[in-house]
Amino acid sequence: MSSTLEKLSAWYTSNCDGEWEHGSGVHIDTLDNPGWRIQVNLRGTPLEQRAFALVEDRYDHESEWLRCWIEGSTFHAACGPRRLEDALGIFLAWADAG
């Protein structure tokens, strides 16, 4: 069974075409509240037009919150400091569902 990072790497690699990766890709950064922020540019990928339902889990909790959404052609996730793998898992499950 592949790890979350192996699955994310495989998804990223499958979309690299010599151009997409130059202006697009996956960005993971930290938040100061604390937490994580993920942005995945979907432009030019099979996911660009796929519907995604907003995900909010324990959104009012001080550290265990998670929110995932699509805005334009970008998948966004923001989450508490221990929910990074959960957020990536939501993206990957959605990406694999097609």
N, C-alpha and C. Protein backbone atom coordinates (compact mmCIF):
# COMPACT_ATOMS: atom_id res chain seq x y z
N MET A 1 0.84 -1.17 0.00
CA MET A 1 0.00 0.00 0.00
C MET A 1 0.90 1.25 0.00
N SER A 2 0.57 2.19 -0.83
CA SER A 2 1.35 3.42 -0.94
C SER A 2 1.02 4.38 0.19
N SER A 3 2.01 5.16 0.58
CA SER A 3 1.79 6.19 1.58
C SER A 3 1.11 7.39 0.93
N THR A 4 0.63 8.29 1.76
CA THR A 4 -0.01 9.50 1.26
C THR A 4 0.95 10.29 0.38
N LEU A 5 2.20 10.43 0.81
CA LEU A 5 3.17 11.17 0.00
C LEU A 5 3.49 10.47 -1.31
N GLU A 6 3.54 9.15 -1.30
CA GLU A 6 3.76 8.41 -2.55
C GLU A 6 2.58 8.62 -3.51
N LYS A 7 1.37 8.62 -2.98
CA LYS A 7 0.19 8.85 -3.83
C LYS A 7 0.18 10.27 -4.38
N LEU A 8 0.52 11.25 -3.54
CA LEU A 8 0.57 12.63 -4.00
C LEU A 8 1.66 12.79 -5.07
N SER A 9 2.80 12.18 -4.85
CA SER A 9 3.89 12.22 -5.84
C SER A 9 3.46 11.61 -7.16
N ALA A 10 2.74 10.51 -7.11
CA ALA A 10 2.26 9.85 -8.32
C ALA A 10 1.26 10.74 -9.05
N TRP A 11 0.34 11.38 -8.30
CA TRP A 11 -0.64 12.28 -8.93
C TRP A 11 0.09 13.44 -9.60
N TYR A 12 1.02 14.04 -8.89
CA TYR A 12 1.79 15.17 -9.43
C TYR A 12 2.52 14.74 -10.70
N THR A 13 3.24 13.63 -10.64
CA THR A 13 4.00 13.15 -11.79
C THR A 13 3.10 12.88 -12.98
N SER A 14 1.91 12.34 -12.73
CA SER A 14 1.00 12.02 -13.83
C SER A 14 0.50 13.27 -14.56
N ASN A 15 0.60 14.42 -13.93
CA ASN A 15 0.15 15.66 -14.56
C ASN A 15 1.29 16.50 -15.13
N CYS A 16 2.52 16.11 -14.86
CA CYS A 16 3.67 16.82 -15.43
C CYS A 16 3.77 16.51 -16.92
N ASP A 17 3.69 17.56 -17.72
CA ASP A 17 3.72 17.38 -19.18
C ASP A 17 4.75 18.29 -19.85
N GLY A 18 5.65 18.85 -19.08
CA GLY A 18 6.63 19.76 -19.63
C GLY A 18 6.21 21.21 -19.52
N GLU A 19 4.92 21.45 -19.24
CA GLU A 19 4.43 22.83 -19.10
C GLU A 19 3.66 23.04 -17.80
N TRP A 20 2.73 22.13 -17.49
CA TRP A 20 1.87 22.30 -16.32
C TRP A 20 2.68 22.57 -15.06
N GLU A 21 3.76 21.83 -14.86
CA GLU A 21 4.54 21.94 -13.62
C GLU A 21 5.29 23.26 -13.50
N HIS A 22 5.42 24.02 -14.58
CA HIS A 22 6.13 25.30 -14.51
C HIS A 22 5.29 26.40 -13.87
N GLY A 23 3.99 26.37 -14.06
CA GLY A 23 3.14 27.41 -13.49
C GLY A 23 2.10 26.87 -12.54
N SER A 24 2.11 25.59 -12.33
CA SER A 24 1.08 24.95 -11.52
C SER A 24 1.76 24.02 -10.52
N GLY A 25 0.97 23.17 -9.93
CA GLY A 25 1.54 22.19 -9.03
C GLY A 25 0.87 22.19 -7.68
N VAL A 26 1.59 21.70 -6.71
CA VAL A 26 1.10 21.52 -5.35
C VAL A 26 1.92 22.42 -4.43
N HIS A 27 1.24 23.20 -3.62
CA HIS A 27 1.91 24.07 -2.66
C HIS A 27 1.41 23.73 -1.26
N ILE A 28 2.33 23.45 -0.36
CA ILE A 28 2.01 23.17 1.04
C ILE A 28 2.79 24.17 1.88
N ASP A 29 2.06 24.87 2.73
CA ASP A 29 2.67 25.91 3.56
C ASP A 29 2.09 25.83 4.96
N THR A 30 2.70 26.52 5.88
CA THR A 30 2.18 26.56 7.24
C THR A 30 1.34 27.82 7.45
N LEU A 31 0.45 27.74 8.43
CA LEU A 31 -0.36 28.86 8.87
C LEU A 31 0.11 29.27 10.26
N ASP A 32 -0.16 30.48 10.63
CA ASP A 32 0.33 30.96 11.93
C ASP A 32 -0.64 30.76 13.08
N ASN A 33 -1.71 29.99 12.87
CA ASN A 33 -2.70 29.87 13.95
C ASN A 33 -2.64 28.58 14.77
N PRO A 34 -1.82 27.63 14.80
CA PRO A 34 -0.99 27.12 13.72
C PRO A 34 -1.79 26.15 12.86
N GLY A 35 -1.20 25.77 11.77
CA GLY A 35 -1.86 24.81 10.88
C GLY A 35 -1.15 24.74 9.54
N TRP A 36 -1.87 24.14 8.60
CA TRP A 36 -1.35 23.90 7.25
C TRP A 36 -2.29 24.48 6.21
N ARG A 37 -1.72 24.86 5.08
CA ARG A 37 -2.50 25.30 3.93
C ARG A 37 -1.97 24.56 2.71
N ILE A 38 -2.90 24.01 1.94
CA ILE A 38 -2.55 23.28 0.72
C ILE A 38 -3.27 23.95 -0.44
N GLN A 39 -2.57 24.12 -1.54
CA GLN A 39 -3.18 24.61 -2.77
C GLN A 39 -2.70 23.72 -3.91
N VAL A 40 -3.64 23.23 -4.70
CA VAL A 40 -3.31 22.40 -5.85
C VAL A 40 -3.97 23.04 -7.07
N ASN A 41 -3.15 23.49 -8.00
CA ASN A 41 -3.67 24.09 -9.22
C ASN A 41 -4.16 22.97 -10.13
N LEU A 42 -5.43 23.00 -10.45
CA LEU A 42 -6.06 21.94 -11.23
C LEU A 42 -6.14 22.26 -12.72
N ARG A 43 -5.77 23.48 -13.09
CA ARG A 43 -5.87 23.91 -14.49
C ARG A 43 -5.10 22.93 -15.39
N GLY A 44 -5.78 22.46 -16.41
CA GLY A 44 -5.16 21.54 -17.35
C GLY A 44 -5.10 20.10 -16.90
N THR A 45 -5.69 19.79 -15.74
CA THR A 45 -5.73 18.40 -15.26
C THR A 45 -7.14 17.86 -15.45
N PRO A 46 -7.31 16.54 -15.37
CA PRO A 46 -8.65 15.96 -15.47
C PRO A 46 -9.59 16.41 -14.34
N LEU A 47 -9.05 16.99 -13.28
CA LEU A 47 -9.87 17.42 -12.14
C LEU A 47 -10.42 18.83 -12.29
N GLU A 48 -9.98 19.57 -13.29
CA GLU A 48 -10.33 20.98 -13.40
C GLU A 48 -11.84 21.22 -13.40
N GLN A 49 -12.60 20.38 -14.03
CA GLN A 49 -14.05 20.58 -14.12
C GLN A 49 -14.85 19.66 -13.20
N ARG A 50 -14.18 18.85 -12.41
CA ARG A 50 -14.88 17.89 -11.54
C ARG A 50 -15.46 18.60 -10.32
N ALA A 51 -16.69 18.26 -9.99
CA ALA A 51 -17.35 18.85 -8.82
C ALA A 51 -16.69 18.36 -7.53
N PHE A 52 -16.66 19.23 -6.55
CA PHE A 52 -16.13 18.90 -5.23
C PHE A 52 -17.03 19.55 -4.19
N ALA A 53 -17.48 18.78 -3.24
CA ALA A 53 -18.33 19.31 -2.18
C ALA A 53 -17.45 19.78 -1.01
N LEU A 54 -17.74 20.95 -0.52
CA LEU A 54 -17.02 21.51 0.62
C LEU A 54 -16.93 20.48 1.75
N VAL A 55 -15.76 20.36 2.35
CA VAL A 55 -15.56 19.46 3.49
C VAL A 55 -15.14 20.32 4.67
N GLU A 56 -15.88 20.22 5.76
CA GLU A 56 -15.50 20.85 7.01
C GLU A 56 -15.63 19.81 8.12
N ASP A 57 -14.58 19.65 8.87
CA ASP A 57 -14.57 18.67 9.95
C ASP A 57 -14.02 19.34 11.20
N ARG A 58 -14.81 19.33 12.24
CA ARG A 58 -14.41 19.91 13.53
C ARG A 58 -13.90 21.34 13.35
N TYR A 59 -14.58 22.08 12.46
CA TYR A 59 -14.11 23.39 12.04
C TYR A 59 -14.00 24.39 13.20
N ASP A 60 -14.78 24.20 14.26
CA ASP A 60 -14.72 25.11 15.40
C ASP A 60 -13.71 24.69 16.46
N HIS A 61 -13.06 23.54 16.28
CA HIS A 61 -12.08 23.08 17.25
C HIS A 61 -10.80 23.90 17.13
N GLU A 62 -10.16 24.17 18.22
CA GLU A 62 -8.97 25.03 18.24
C GLU A 62 -7.81 24.48 17.42
N SER A 63 -7.60 23.16 17.43
CA SER A 63 -6.44 22.62 16.73
C SER A 63 -6.74 21.46 15.79
N GLU A 64 -7.92 20.88 15.87
CA GLU A 64 -8.24 19.70 15.07
C GLU A 64 -9.15 20.01 13.88
N TRP A 65 -9.23 21.26 13.49
CA TRP A 65 -10.12 21.71 12.42
C TRP A 65 -9.56 21.34 11.04
N LEU A 66 -10.48 21.29 10.07
CA LEU A 66 -10.10 20.97 8.70
C LEU A 66 -11.15 21.53 7.77
N ARG A 67 -10.72 22.11 6.68
CA ARG A 67 -11.65 22.63 5.66
C ARG A 67 -11.00 22.44 4.30
N CYS A 68 -11.76 21.88 3.34
CA CYS A 68 -11.30 21.67 1.97
C CYS A 68 -12.36 22.22 1.02
N TRP A 69 -11.93 22.91 -0.03
CA TRP A 69 -12.86 23.52 -0.98
C TRP A 69 -12.16 23.78 -2.30
N ILE A 70 -12.98 24.06 -3.32
CA ILE A 70 -12.47 24.45 -4.63
C ILE A 70 -12.83 25.91 -4.83
N GLU A 71 -11.86 26.66 -5.32
CA GLU A 71 -12.10 28.05 -5.70
C GLU A 71 -11.44 28.25 -7.06
N GLY A 72 -12.27 28.58 -8.05
CA GLY A 72 -11.74 28.68 -9.41
C GLY A 72 -11.22 27.33 -9.86
N SER A 73 -9.98 27.29 -10.27
CA SER A 73 -9.35 26.04 -10.71
C SER A 73 -8.32 25.56 -9.68
N THR A 74 -8.58 25.87 -8.41
CA THR A 74 -7.64 25.49 -7.36
C THR A 74 -8.34 24.75 -6.23
N PHE A 75 -7.77 23.61 -5.86
CA PHE A 75 -8.20 22.89 -4.66
C PHE A 75 -7.48 23.54 -3.49
N HIS A 76 -8.23 23.87 -2.44
CA HIS A 76 -7.66 24.46 -1.23
C HIS A 76 -7.97 23.56 -0.05
N ALA A 77 -7.04 23.49 0.86
CA ALA A 77 -7.27 22.84 2.15
C ALA A 77 -6.55 23.66 3.21
N ALA A 78 -7.18 23.80 4.34
CA ALA A 78 -6.57 24.43 5.50
C ALA A 78 -6.94 23.57 6.69
N CYS A 79 -6.00 23.38 7.59
CA CYS A 79 -6.27 22.46 8.69
C CYS A 79 -5.35 22.74 9.87
N GLY A 80 -5.71 22.14 10.98
CA GLY A 80 -4.90 22.23 12.18
C GLY A 80 -3.57 21.51 12.00
N PRO A 81 -2.66 21.69 12.93
CA PRO A 81 -1.30 21.20 12.77
C PRO A 81 -1.14 19.69 12.66
N ARG A 82 -2.11 18.92 13.14
CA ARG A 82 -2.01 17.45 13.07
C ARG A 82 -2.94 16.84 12.02
N ARG A 83 -3.48 17.66 11.12
CA ARG A 83 -4.46 17.17 10.13
C ARG A 83 -3.96 17.21 8.69
N LEU A 84 -2.67 17.44 8.48
CA LEU A 84 -2.13 17.54 7.12
C LEU A 84 -2.40 16.27 6.32
N GLU A 85 -2.14 15.12 6.90
CA GLU A 85 -2.37 13.88 6.16
C GLU A 85 -3.85 13.68 5.84
N ASP A 86 -4.72 14.07 6.76
CA ASP A 86 -6.17 14.00 6.49
C ASP A 86 -6.54 14.86 5.30
N ALA A 87 -6.03 16.09 5.26
CA ALA A 87 -6.35 17.01 4.16
C ALA A 87 -5.84 16.46 2.83
N LEU A 88 -4.61 15.96 2.82
CA LEU A 88 -4.08 15.37 1.59
C LEU A 88 -4.88 14.14 1.19
N GLY A 89 -5.31 13.36 2.18
CA GLY A 89 -6.13 12.18 1.89
C GLY A 89 -7.46 12.53 1.25
N ILE A 90 -8.06 13.63 1.67
CA ILE A 90 -9.31 14.07 1.06
C ILE A 90 -9.08 14.43 -0.40
N PHE A 91 -8.01 15.18 -0.66
CA PHE A 91 -7.70 15.51 -2.05
C PHE A 91 -7.48 14.25 -2.88
N LEU A 92 -6.67 13.34 -2.38
CA LEU A 92 -6.33 12.13 -3.14
C LEU A 92 -7.54 11.23 -3.36
N ALA A 93 -8.40 11.11 -2.37
CA ALA A 93 -9.62 10.29 -2.53
C ALA A 93 -10.50 10.89 -3.62
N TRP A 94 -10.64 12.21 -3.62
CA TRP A 94 -11.42 12.88 -4.65
C TRP A 94 -10.77 12.69 -6.03
N ALA A 95 -9.46 12.85 -6.09
CA ALA A 95 -8.75 12.69 -7.37
C ALA A 95 -8.87 11.28 -7.91
N ASP A 96 -8.87 10.29 -7.02
CA ASP A 96 -8.96 8.89 -7.44
C ASP A 96 -10.38 8.44 -7.75
N ALA A 97 -11.36 9.21 -7.33
CA ALA A 97 -12.76 8.80 -7.47
C ALA A 97 -13.26 8.87 -8.91
N GLY A 98 -12.55 9.53 -9.78
CA GLY A 98 -13.01 9.73 -11.14
C GLY A 98 -12.74 8.56 -11.99
